[in-house]
Amino acid sequence: MNFQPLGNRVLVKRLEEASTTASGIIIPDNAAEKPSQGEVVAVSSEVNELKNGNKVLFGKFSGSEVSLEGEKYLVLDVEDIFGIIN
């Protein structure tokens, strides 16, 4: 993929959550909340605190969803990212 975010933005791939509850109930895709975790896959040259491969937490309704090469990603402002998951 060849995508370079501009400004203070990063490109993030959402991390999938389990589709079953602890009690074994299967949650259909359309009923599940979208996860608020993702992996950074591209970083603007203006962003110093994040790098590719970082796992991050962000607001559920943050960013703009884009489709690149058949995959769905989010373009997020750095301000929409709460922190890095270690």
PDB file of N, CA and C in Angstrom:
ATOM      1  N   MET A   1       0.842  -1.166   0.000  1.00  0.00           N
ATOM      2  CA  MET A   1       0.000   0.000   0.000  1.00  0.00           C
ATOM      3  C   MET A   1       0.889   1.231   0.000  1.00  0.00           C
ATOM      4  N   ASN A   2       0.472   2.223  -0.742  1.00  0.00           N
ATOM      5  CA  ASN A   2       1.248   3.450  -0.840  1.00  0.00           C
ATOM      6  C   ASN A   2       0.354   4.620  -0.443  1.00  0.00           C
ATOM      7  N   PHE A   3       0.305   4.932   0.848  1.00  0.00           N
ATOM      8  CA  PHE A   3      -0.500   6.033   1.359  1.00  0.00           C
ATOM      9  C   PHE A   3       0.307   6.780   2.409  1.00  0.00           C
ATOM     10  N   GLN A   4       0.435   8.082   2.247  1.00  0.00           N
ATOM     11  CA  GLN A   4       1.161   8.923   3.198  1.00  0.00           C
ATOM     12  C   GLN A   4       0.189   9.952   3.764  1.00  0.00           C
ATOM     13  N   PRO A   5      -0.184   9.837   5.054  1.00  0.00           N
ATOM     14  CA  PRO A   5      -1.068  10.845   5.654  1.00  0.00           C
ATOM     15  C   PRO A   5      -0.394  12.215   5.665  1.00  0.00           C
ATOM     16  N   LEU A   6      -1.200  13.254   5.577  1.00  0.00           N
ATOM     17  CA  LEU A   6      -0.700  14.625   5.623  1.00  0.00           C
ATOM     18  C   LEU A   6      -1.117  15.282   6.928  1.00  0.00           C
ATOM     19  N   GLY A   7      -0.462  16.374   7.266  1.00  0.00           N
ATOM     20  CA  GLY A   7      -0.804  17.098   8.485  1.00  0.00           C
ATOM     21  C   GLY A   7      -0.451  16.290   9.717  1.00  0.00           C
ATOM     22  N   ASN A   8      -1.285  16.377  10.718  1.00  0.00           N
ATOM     23  CA  ASN A   8      -1.071  15.693  11.983  1.00  0.00           C
ATOM     24  C   ASN A   8      -1.929  14.432  12.043  1.00  0.00           C
ATOM     25  N   ARG A   9      -1.809  13.577  11.017  1.00  0.00           N
ATOM     26  CA  ARG A   9      -2.692  12.415  10.893  1.00  0.00           C
ATOM     27  C   ARG A   9      -1.917  11.110  10.789  1.00  0.00           C
ATOM     28  N   VAL A  10      -2.633  10.023  11.134  1.00  0.00           N
ATOM     29  CA  VAL A  10      -2.093   8.671  10.983  1.00  0.00           C
ATOM     30  C   VAL A  10      -3.156   7.793  10.339  1.00  0.00           C
ATOM     31  N   LEU A  11      -2.714   6.719   9.697  1.00  0.00           N
ATOM     32  CA  LEU A  11      -3.602   5.721   9.120  1.00  0.00           C
ATOM     33  C   LEU A  11      -3.600   4.512  10.047  1.00  0.00           C
ATOM     34  N   VAL A  12      -4.790   4.067  10.448  1.00  0.00           N
ATOM     35  CA  VAL A  12      -4.934   3.006  11.438  1.00  0.00           C
ATOM     36  C   VAL A  12      -5.820   1.895  10.896  1.00  0.00           C
ATOM     37  N   LYS A  13      -5.411   0.649  11.144  1.00  0.00           N
ATOM     38  CA  LYS A  13      -6.235  -0.528  10.829  1.00  0.00           C
ATOM     39  C   LYS A  13      -6.887  -0.970  12.128  1.00  0.00           C
ATOM     40  N   ARG A  14      -8.220  -1.032  12.129  1.00  0.00           N
ATOM     41  CA  ARG A  14      -8.929  -1.465  13.338  1.00  0.00           C
ATOM     42  C   ARG A  14      -8.537  -2.882  13.714  1.00  0.00           C
ATOM     43  N   LEU A  15      -8.443  -3.138  15.010  1.00  0.00           N
ATOM     44  CA  LEU A  15      -8.216  -4.489  15.510  1.00  0.00           C
ATOM     45  C   LEU A  15      -9.576  -5.117  15.781  1.00  0.00           C
ATOM     46  N   GLU A  16      -9.742  -6.346  15.341  1.00  0.00           N
ATOM     47  CA  GLU A  16     -11.015  -7.048  15.524  1.00  0.00           C
ATOM     48  C   GLU A  16     -11.151  -7.533  16.949  1.00  0.00           C
ATOM     49  N   GLU A  17     -12.358  -7.412  17.478  1.00  0.00           N
ATOM     50  CA  GLU A  17     -12.649  -7.955  18.800  1.00  0.00           C
ATOM     51  C   GLU A  17     -13.308  -9.315  18.634  1.00  0.00           C
ATOM     52  N   ALA A  18     -13.316 -10.084  19.701  1.00  0.00           N
ATOM     53  CA  ALA A  18     -13.955 -11.403  19.672  1.00  0.00           C
ATOM     54  C   ALA A  18     -15.442 -11.241  19.356  1.00  0.00           C
ATOM     55  N   SER A  19     -15.983 -12.159  18.569  1.00  0.00           N
ATOM     56  CA  SER A  19     -17.388 -12.064  18.185  1.00  0.00           C
ATOM     57  C   SER A  19     -18.295 -12.916  19.059  1.00  0.00           C
ATOM     58  N   THR A  20     -17.777 -13.408  20.178  1.00  0.00           N
ATOM     59  CA  THR A  20     -18.611 -14.142  21.129  1.00  0.00           C
ATOM     60  C   THR A  20     -18.393 -13.556  22.519  1.00  0.00           C
ATOM     61  N   THR A  21     -19.428 -13.628  23.342  1.00  0.00           N
ATOM     62  CA  THR A  21     -19.315 -13.136  24.710  1.00  0.00           C
ATOM     63  C   THR A  21     -18.688 -14.215  25.575  1.00  0.00           C
ATOM     64  N   ALA A  22     -18.396 -13.870  26.820  1.00  0.00           N
ATOM     65  CA  ALA A  22     -17.794 -14.826  27.753  1.00  0.00           C
ATOM     66  C   ALA A  22     -18.697 -16.034  27.984  1.00  0.00           C
ATOM     67  N   SER A  23     -20.010 -15.828  27.868  1.00  0.00           N
ATOM     68  CA  SER A  23     -20.948 -16.932  28.076  1.00  0.00           C
ATOM     69  C   SER A  23     -21.201 -17.723  26.798  1.00  0.00           C
ATOM     70  N   GLY A  24     -20.533 -17.366  25.687  1.00  0.00           N
ATOM     71  CA  GLY A  24     -20.639 -18.136  24.455  1.00  0.00           C
ATOM     72  C   GLY A  24     -21.673 -17.626  23.464  1.00  0.00           C
ATOM     73  N   ILE A  25     -22.294 -16.482  23.742  1.00  0.00           N
ATOM     74  CA  ILE A  25     -23.290 -15.922  22.822  1.00  0.00           C
ATOM     75  C   ILE A  25     -22.567 -15.293  21.645  1.00  0.00           C
ATOM     76  N   ILE A  26     -22.960 -15.648  20.430  1.00  0.00           N
ATOM     77  CA  ILE A  26     -22.350 -15.105  19.216  1.00  0.00           C
ATOM     78  C   ILE A  26     -23.001 -13.771  18.897  1.00  0.00           C
ATOM     79  N   ILE A  27     -22.169 -12.753  18.680  1.00  0.00           N
ATOM     80  CA  ILE A  27     -22.657 -11.413  18.356  1.00  0.00           C
ATOM     81  C   ILE A  27     -22.535 -11.211  16.848  1.00  0.00           C
ATOM     82  N   PRO A  28     -23.649 -10.946  16.153  1.00  0.00           N
ATOM     83  CA  PRO A  28     -23.548 -10.685  14.717  1.00  0.00           C
ATOM     84  C   PRO A  28     -22.773  -9.407  14.447  1.00  0.00           C
ATOM     85  N   ASP A  29     -22.110  -9.346  13.277  1.00  0.00           N
ATOM     86  CA  ASP A  29     -21.271  -8.196  12.933  1.00  0.00           C
ATOM     87  C   ASP A  29     -22.020  -6.873  13.028  1.00  0.00           C
ATOM     88  N   ASN A  30     -23.276  -6.845  12.576  1.00  0.00           N
ATOM     89  CA  ASN A  30     -23.999  -5.578  12.562  1.00  0.00           C
ATOM     90  C   ASN A  30     -24.453  -5.138  13.951  1.00  0.00           C
ATOM     91  N   ALA A  31     -24.412  -6.003  14.956  1.00  0.00           N
ATOM     92  CA  ALA A  31     -24.815  -5.641  16.316  1.00  0.00           C
ATOM     93  C   ALA A  31     -23.615  -5.302  17.190  1.00  0.00           C
ATOM     94  N   ALA A  32     -22.441  -5.671  16.752  1.00  0.00           N
ATOM     95  CA  ALA A  32     -21.240  -5.444  17.566  1.00  0.00           C
ATOM     96  C   ALA A  32     -20.781  -4.000  17.431  1.00  0.00           C
ATOM     97  N   GLU A  33     -20.310  -3.428  18.538  1.00  0.00           N
ATOM     98  CA  GLU A  33     -19.717  -2.093  18.487  1.00  0.00           C
ATOM     99  C   GLU A  33     -18.361  -2.199  17.811  1.00  0.00           C
ATOM    100  N   LYS A  34     -18.017  -1.182  17.064  1.00  0.00           N
ATOM    101  CA  LYS A  34     -16.706  -1.181  16.429  1.00  0.00           C
ATOM    102  C   LYS A  34     -15.651  -0.984  17.506  1.00  0.00           C
ATOM    103  N   PRO A  35     -14.542  -1.688  17.417  1.00  0.00           N
ATOM    104  CA  PRO A  35     -13.510  -1.553  18.444  1.00  0.00           C
ATOM    105  C   PRO A  35     -12.875  -0.176  18.425  1.00  0.00           C
ATOM    106  N   SER A  36     -12.350   0.209  19.540  1.00  0.00           N
ATOM    107  CA  SER A  36     -11.683   1.495  19.629  1.00  0.00           C
ATOM    108  C   SER A  36     -10.173   1.292  19.740  1.00  0.00           C
ATOM    109  N   GLN A  37      -9.697   0.165  19.214  1.00  0.00           N
ATOM    110  CA  GLN A  37      -8.269  -0.126  19.192  1.00  0.00           C
ATOM    111  C   GLN A  37      -7.846  -0.370  17.752  1.00  0.00           C
ATOM    112  N   GLY A  38      -6.606  -0.032  17.457  1.00  0.00           N
ATOM    113  CA  GLY A  38      -6.109  -0.261  16.115  1.00  0.00           C
ATOM    114  C   GLY A  38      -4.601  -0.259  16.085  1.00  0.00           C
ATOM    115  N   GLU A  39      -4.087  -0.601  14.904  1.00  0.00           N
ATOM    116  CA  GLU A  39      -2.640  -0.619  14.688  1.00  0.00           C
ATOM    117  C   GLU A  39      -2.285   0.443  13.665  1.00  0.00           C
ATOM    118  N   VAL A  40      -1.300   1.255  13.985  1.00  0.00           N
ATOM    119  CA  VAL A  40      -0.849   2.318  13.086  1.00  0.00           C
ATOM    120  C   VAL A  40      -0.130   1.667  11.901  1.00  0.00           C
ATOM    121  N   VAL A  41      -0.551   2.033  10.672  1.00  0.00           N
ATOM    122  CA  VAL A  41       0.085   1.470   9.483  1.00  0.00           C
ATOM    123  C   VAL A  41       0.786   2.523   8.625  1.00  0.00           C
ATOM    124  N   ALA A  42       0.491   3.808   8.860  1.00  0.00           N
ATOM    125  CA  ALA A  42       1.195   4.889   8.162  1.00  0.00           C
ATOM    126  C   ALA A  42       1.121   6.147   9.023  1.00  0.00           C
ATOM    127  N   VAL A  43       2.208   6.921   9.025  1.00  0.00           N
ATOM    128  CA  VAL A  43       2.316   8.096   9.879  1.00  0.00           C
ATOM    129  C   VAL A  43       2.787   9.284   9.045  1.00  0.00           C
ATOM    130  N   SER A  44       2.174  10.437   9.268  1.00  0.00           N
ATOM    131  CA  SER A  44       2.613  11.667   8.619  1.00  0.00           C
ATOM    132  C   SER A  44       4.018  12.020   9.092  1.00  0.00           C
ATOM    133  N   SER A  45       4.766  12.712   8.257  1.00  0.00           N
ATOM    134  CA  SER A  45       6.116  13.126   8.644  1.00  0.00           C
ATOM    135  C   SER A  45       6.095  14.141   9.777  1.00  0.00           C
ATOM    136  N   GLU A  46       4.942  14.753  10.047  1.00  0.00           N
ATOM    137  CA  GLU A  46       4.818  15.734  11.121  1.00  0.00           C
ATOM    138  C   GLU A  46       4.568  15.088  12.487  1.00  0.00           C
ATOM    139  N   VAL A  47       4.262  13.785  12.510  1.00  0.00           N
ATOM    140  CA  VAL A  47       3.934  13.097  13.759  1.00  0.00           C
ATOM    141  C   VAL A  47       5.186  12.406  14.286  1.00  0.00           C
ATOM    142  N   ASN A  48       5.606  12.773  15.493  1.00  0.00           N
ATOM    143  CA  ASN A  48       6.824  12.214  16.082  1.00  0.00           C
ATOM    144  C   ASN A  48       6.554  11.175  17.148  1.00  0.00           C
ATOM    145  N   GLU A  49       5.369  11.214  17.786  1.00  0.00           N
ATOM    146  CA  GLU A  49       5.118  10.354  18.939  1.00  0.00           C
ATOM    147  C   GLU A  49       4.588   8.967  18.578  1.00  0.00           C
ATOM    148  N   LEU A  50       4.265   8.745  17.312  1.00  0.00           N
ATOM    149  CA  LEU A  50       3.749   7.440  16.876  1.00  0.00           C
ATOM    150  C   LEU A  50       4.593   6.895  15.738  1.00  0.00           C
ATOM    151  N   LYS A  51       4.598   5.555  15.617  1.00  0.00           N
ATOM    152  CA  LYS A  51       5.298   4.917  14.504  1.00  0.00           C
ATOM    153  C   LYS A  51       4.488   3.719  14.035  1.00  0.00           C
ATOM    154  N   ASN A  52       4.799   3.226  12.857  1.00  0.00           N
ATOM    155  CA  ASN A  52       4.106   2.050  12.320  1.00  0.00           C
ATOM    156  C   ASN A  52       4.213   0.890  13.303  1.00  0.00           C
ATOM    157  N   GLY A  53       3.113   0.177  13.466  1.00  0.00           N
ATOM    158  CA  GLY A  53       3.095  -0.972  14.358  1.00  0.00           C
ATOM    159  C   GLY A  53       2.598  -0.665  15.758  1.00  0.00           C
ATOM    160  N   ASN A  54       2.539   0.626  16.142  1.00  0.00           N
ATOM    161  CA  ASN A  54       1.998   0.972  17.466  1.00  0.00           C
ATOM    162  C   ASN A  54       0.532   0.551  17.547  1.00  0.00           C
ATOM    163  N   LYS A  55       0.147  -0.021  18.675  1.00  0.00           N
ATOM    164  CA  LYS A  55      -1.257  -0.314  18.959  1.00  0.00           C
ATOM    165  C   LYS A  55      -1.790   0.880  19.746  1.00  0.00           C
ATOM    166  N   VAL A  56      -2.916   1.447  19.282  1.00  0.00           N
ATOM    167  CA  VAL A  56      -3.436   2.666  19.887  1.00  0.00           C
ATOM    168  C   VAL A  56      -4.901   2.530  20.265  1.00  0.00           C
ATOM    169  N   LEU A  57      -5.326   3.374  21.198  1.00  0.00           N
ATOM    170  CA  LEU A  57      -6.719   3.500  21.609  1.00  0.00           C
ATOM    171  C   LEU A  57      -7.242   4.827  21.096  1.00  0.00           C
ATOM    172  N   PHE A  58      -8.463   4.830  20.522  1.00  0.00           N
ATOM    173  CA  PHE A  58      -9.037   6.057  19.985  1.00  0.00           C
ATOM    174  C   PHE A  58     -10.536   6.054  20.243  1.00  0.00           C
ATOM    175  N   GLY A  59     -11.161   7.209  20.108  1.00  0.00           N
ATOM    176  CA  GLY A  59     -12.600   7.340  20.317  1.00  0.00           C
ATOM    177  C   GLY A  59     -13.392   6.533  19.301  1.00  0.00           C
ATOM    178  N   LYS A  60     -14.520   5.991  19.734  1.00  0.00           N
ATOM    179  CA  LYS A  60     -15.335   5.127  18.875  1.00  0.00           C
ATOM    180  C   LYS A  60     -15.807   5.817  17.607  1.00  0.00           C
ATOM    181  N   PHE A  61     -16.034   7.115  17.659  1.00  0.00           N
ATOM    182  CA  PHE A  61     -16.558   7.831  16.494  1.00  0.00           C
ATOM    183  C   PHE A  61     -15.517   8.756  15.875  1.00  0.00           C
ATOM    184  N   SER A  62     -14.250   8.479  16.127  1.00  0.00           N
ATOM    185  CA  SER A  62     -13.158   9.316  15.620  1.00  0.00           C
ATOM    186  C   SER A  62     -12.767   8.936  14.206  1.00  0.00           C
ATOM    187  N   GLY A  63     -12.200   9.887  13.509  1.00  0.00           N
ATOM    188  CA  GLY A  63     -11.582   9.625  12.220  1.00  0.00           C
ATOM    189  C   GLY A  63     -12.548   9.480  11.060  1.00  0.00           C
ATOM    190  N   SER A  64     -11.962   9.258   9.896  1.00  0.00           N
ATOM    191  CA  SER A  64     -12.704   9.040   8.656  1.00  0.00           C
ATOM    192  C   SER A  64     -12.330   7.684   8.104  1.00  0.00           C
ATOM    193  N   GLU A  65     -13.337   6.864   7.809  1.00  0.00           N
ATOM    194  CA  GLU A  65     -13.073   5.535   7.270  1.00  0.00           C
ATOM    195  C   GLU A  65     -12.774   5.639   5.778  1.00  0.00           C
ATOM    196  N   VAL A  66     -11.715   4.947   5.347  1.00  0.00           N
ATOM    197  CA  VAL A  66     -11.330   4.907   3.938  1.00  0.00           C
ATOM    198  C   VAL A  66     -11.088   3.460   3.536  1.00  0.00           C
ATOM    199  N   SER A  67     -11.219   3.187   2.258  1.00  0.00           N
ATOM    200  CA  SER A  67     -10.953   1.857   1.733  1.00  0.00           C
ATOM    201  C   SER A  67      -9.772   1.954   0.778  1.00  0.00           C
ATOM    202  N   LEU A  68      -8.716   1.187   1.071  1.00  0.00           N
ATOM    203  CA  LEU A  68      -7.517   1.174   0.238  1.00  0.00           C
ATOM    204  C   LEU A  68      -7.184  -0.268  -0.106  1.00  0.00           C
ATOM    205  N   GLU A  69      -7.101  -0.560  -1.388  1.00  0.00           N
ATOM    206  CA  GLU A  69      -6.772  -1.905  -1.866  1.00  0.00           C
ATOM    207  C   GLU A  69      -7.686  -2.959  -1.242  1.00  0.00           C
ATOM    208  N   GLY A  70      -8.976  -2.632  -1.098  1.00  0.00           N
ATOM    209  CA  GLY A  70      -9.957  -3.580  -0.587  1.00  0.00           C
ATOM    210  C   GLY A  70      -9.984  -3.729   0.923  1.00  0.00           C
ATOM    211  N   GLU A  71      -9.135  -3.008   1.634  1.00  0.00           N
ATOM    212  CA  GLU A  71      -9.092  -3.059   3.107  1.00  0.00           C
ATOM    213  C   GLU A  71      -9.646  -1.753   3.662  1.00  0.00           C
ATOM    214  N   LYS A  72     -10.285  -1.835   4.843  1.00  0.00           N
ATOM    215  CA  LYS A  72     -10.818  -0.634   5.484  1.00  0.00           C
ATOM    216  C   LYS A  72      -9.851  -0.128   6.550  1.00  0.00           C
ATOM    217  N   TYR A  73      -9.647   1.189   6.540  1.00  0.00           N
ATOM    218  CA  TYR A  73      -8.744   1.857   7.471  1.00  0.00           C
ATOM    219  C   TYR A  73      -9.432   3.107   8.012  1.00  0.00           C
ATOM    220  N   LEU A  74      -8.820   3.702   9.024  1.00  0.00           N
ATOM    221  CA  LEU A  74      -9.254   4.989   9.552  1.00  0.00           C
ATOM    222  C   LEU A  74      -8.119   5.986   9.417  1.00  0.00           C
ATOM    223  N   VAL A  75      -8.446   7.191   8.976  1.00  0.00           N
ATOM    224  CA  VAL A  75      -7.499   8.293   9.012  1.00  0.00           C
ATOM    225  C   VAL A  75      -7.859   9.100  10.255  1.00  0.00           C
ATOM    226  N   LEU A  76      -6.932   9.148  11.213  1.00  0.00           N
ATOM    227  CA  LEU A  76      -7.179   9.804  12.494  1.00  0.00           C
ATOM    228  C   LEU A  76      -6.257  10.987  12.690  1.00  0.00           C
ATOM    229  N   ASP A  77      -6.801  12.061  13.291  1.00  0.00           N
ATOM    230  CA  ASP A  77      -5.954  13.138  13.789  1.00  0.00           C
ATOM    231  C   ASP A  77      -5.261  12.618  15.040  1.00  0.00           C
ATOM    232  N   VAL A  78      -4.042  13.015  15.262  1.00  0.00           N
ATOM    233  CA  VAL A  78      -3.297  12.580  16.438  1.00  0.00           C
ATOM    234  C   VAL A  78      -4.063  12.933  17.721  1.00  0.00           C
ATOM    235  N   GLU A  79      -4.784  14.053  17.719  1.00  0.00           N
ATOM    236  CA  GLU A  79      -5.557  14.467  18.891  1.00  0.00           C
ATOM    237  C   GLU A  79      -6.682  13.497  19.238  1.00  0.00           C
ATOM    238  N   ASP A  80      -7.122  12.680  18.270  1.00  0.00           N
ATOM    239  CA  ASP A  80      -8.188  11.698  18.505  1.00  0.00           C
ATOM    240  C   ASP A  80      -7.656  10.408  19.137  1.00  0.00           C
ATOM    241  N   ILE A  81      -6.347  10.275  19.223  1.00  0.00           N
ATOM    242  CA  ILE A  81      -5.739   9.067  19.803  1.00  0.00           C
ATOM    243  C   ILE A  81      -5.479   9.318  21.277  1.00  0.00           C
ATOM    244  N   PHE A  82      -6.035   8.415  22.112  1.00  0.00           N
ATOM    245  CA  PHE A  82      -5.912   8.557  23.562  1.00  0.00           C
ATOM    246  C   PHE A  82      -4.547   8.114  24.075  1.00  0.00           C
ATOM    247  N   GLY A  83      -3.972   7.094  23.445  1.00  0.00           N
ATOM    248  CA  GLY A  83      -2.675   6.609  23.906  1.00  0.00           C
ATOM    249  C   GLY A  83      -2.229   5.347  23.198  1.00  0.00           C
ATOM    250  N   ILE A  84      -1.024   4.920  23.516  1.00  0.00           N
ATOM    251  CA  ILE A  84      -0.425   3.719  22.940  1.00  0.00           C
ATOM    252  C   ILE A  84      -0.627   2.561  23.915  1.00  0.00           C
ATOM    253  N   ILE A  85      -1.017   1.401  23.395  1.00  0.00           N
ATOM    254  CA  ILE A  85      -1.187   0.192  24.212  1.00  0.00           C
ATOM    255  C   ILE A  85       0.133  -0.573  24.194  1.00  0.00           C
ATOM    256  N   ASN A  86       0.678  -0.849  25.375  1.00  0.00           N
ATOM    257  CA  ASN A  86       1.949  -1.589  25.464  1.00  0.00           C
ATOM    258  C   ASN A  86       1.716  -3.059  25.659  1.00  0.00           C
TER     259      ASN A  86
END
